[in-house]
């Protein structure tokens, strides 16, 4: 039971005592769900970029107003690794 062991802050989240700094990646546990979010810290303007399967010529959307993590399912949280503009697929 993770209730009470998860806290969201402007610059990081804390899960079971482990601090994960923003920007951070939120990935659904369900491998068939390709909607991945990247949350940015308030210190760089905040917001959230959603990555999804390509539709037309678009595979992501940025929402500068969104900062709330999803609570509708189970997710994996990881620190975001900047790639200097290079696409990396794993």
Protein backbone atom coordinates (compact mmCIF):
# COMPACT_ATOMS: atom_id res chain seq x y z
CA UNK A 1 0.00 0.00 0.00
CA UNK A 2 1.64 3.23 -1.20
CA UNK A 3 -0.93 5.61 0.32
CA UNK A 4 0.86 8.33 2.21
CA UNK A 5 4.15 7.29 0.63
CA UNK A 6 3.77 9.49 -2.44
CA UNK A 7 4.24 13.28 -2.37
CA UNK A 8 4.27 15.78 -5.24
CA UNK A 9 6.31 19.00 -4.98
CA UNK A 10 7.04 21.80 -7.48
CA UNK A 11 10.57 20.56 -8.23
CA UNK A 12 10.34 16.82 -7.46
CA UNK A 13 8.20 13.90 -6.35
CA UNK A 14 8.91 11.55 -3.48
CA UNK A 15 7.92 7.89 -3.66
CA UNK A 16 8.49 5.71 -0.58
CA UNK A 17 11.26 8.04 0.57
CA UNK A 18 12.98 8.20 -2.83
CA UNK A 19 13.21 11.67 -4.37
CA UNK A 20 12.87 11.96 -8.16
CA UNK A 21 13.71 15.42 -9.47
CA UNK A 22 11.81 17.04 -12.32
CA UNK A 23 11.96 16.86 -15.23
CA UNK A 24 10.64 13.35 -14.74
CA UNK A 25 9.02 10.73 -16.93
CA UNK A 26 5.68 9.13 -16.05
CA UNK A 27 5.09 5.84 -17.92
CA UNK A 28 2.02 3.62 -17.64
CA UNK A 29 2.75 0.15 -16.27
CA UNK A 30 0.57 -1.20 -19.07
CA UNK A 31 3.06 -1.66 -21.97
CA UNK A 32 0.21 -1.28 -24.49
CA UNK A 33 -0.44 2.29 -23.29
CA UNK A 34 1.97 4.57 -25.15
CA UNK A 35 0.88 7.82 -23.48
CA UNK A 36 4.02 8.93 -21.64
CA UNK A 37 4.27 12.26 -19.79
CA UNK A 38 7.30 14.39 -19.04
CA UNK A 39 6.74 16.87 -16.20
CA UNK A 40 8.96 19.95 -15.95
CA UNK A 41 9.88 21.82 -12.75
CA UNK A 42 8.38 25.23 -12.01
CA UNK A 43 11.91 26.69 -12.04
CA UNK A 44 11.99 26.30 -15.85
CA UNK A 45 8.36 27.23 -16.45
CA UNK A 46 6.62 23.96 -15.53
CA UNK A 47 4.19 22.17 -17.78
CA UNK A 48 3.86 18.69 -19.19
CA UNK A 49 4.76 17.15 -22.54
CA UNK A 50 2.70 14.10 -23.53
CA UNK A 51 4.30 11.60 -25.91
CA UNK A 52 2.00 9.30 -27.89
CA UNK A 53 1.86 7.12 -31.00
CA UNK A 54 2.31 9.31 -34.05
CA UNK A 55 -0.90 10.80 -35.46
CA UNK A 56 -0.27 12.49 -38.80
CA UNK A 57 2.94 14.43 -38.25
CA UNK A 58 2.58 14.81 -34.47
CA UNK A 59 3.86 12.50 -31.71
CA UNK A 60 3.81 14.88 -28.73
CA UNK A 61 1.89 17.80 -27.25
CA UNK A 62 3.01 20.34 -24.63
CA UNK A 63 0.61 21.81 -22.07
CA UNK A 64 2.24 24.70 -20.16
CA UNK A 65 -0.60 24.74 -17.58
CA UNK A 66 -0.50 21.06 -16.64
CA UNK A 67 1.49 20.04 -13.58
CA UNK A 68 -0.67 17.37 -11.91
CA UNK A 69 0.46 13.78 -12.18
CA UNK A 70 -2.10 11.21 -13.29
CA UNK A 71 -3.92 9.29 -10.56
CA UNK A 72 -6.20 7.10 -12.68
CA UNK A 73 -3.89 4.06 -12.94
CA UNK A 74 -0.44 2.73 -12.01
CA UNK A 75 2.69 4.46 -13.35
CA UNK A 76 6.46 4.16 -13.33
CA UNK A 77 8.40 7.34 -12.52
CA UNK A 78 11.94 7.96 -13.73
CA UNK A 79 14.27 10.93 -14.01
CA UNK A 80 14.28 12.43 -17.51
CA UNK A 81 17.57 12.04 -19.37
CA UNK A 82 18.23 14.99 -21.71
CA UNK A 83 19.61 13.98 -25.13
CA UNK A 84 20.56 17.35 -26.64
CA UNK A 85 17.80 16.98 -29.28
CA UNK A 86 18.69 13.43 -30.37
CA UNK A 87 15.83 10.90 -30.44
CA UNK A 88 16.61 7.80 -28.42
CA UNK A 89 14.30 4.80 -28.59
CA UNK A 90 14.61 2.05 -26.01
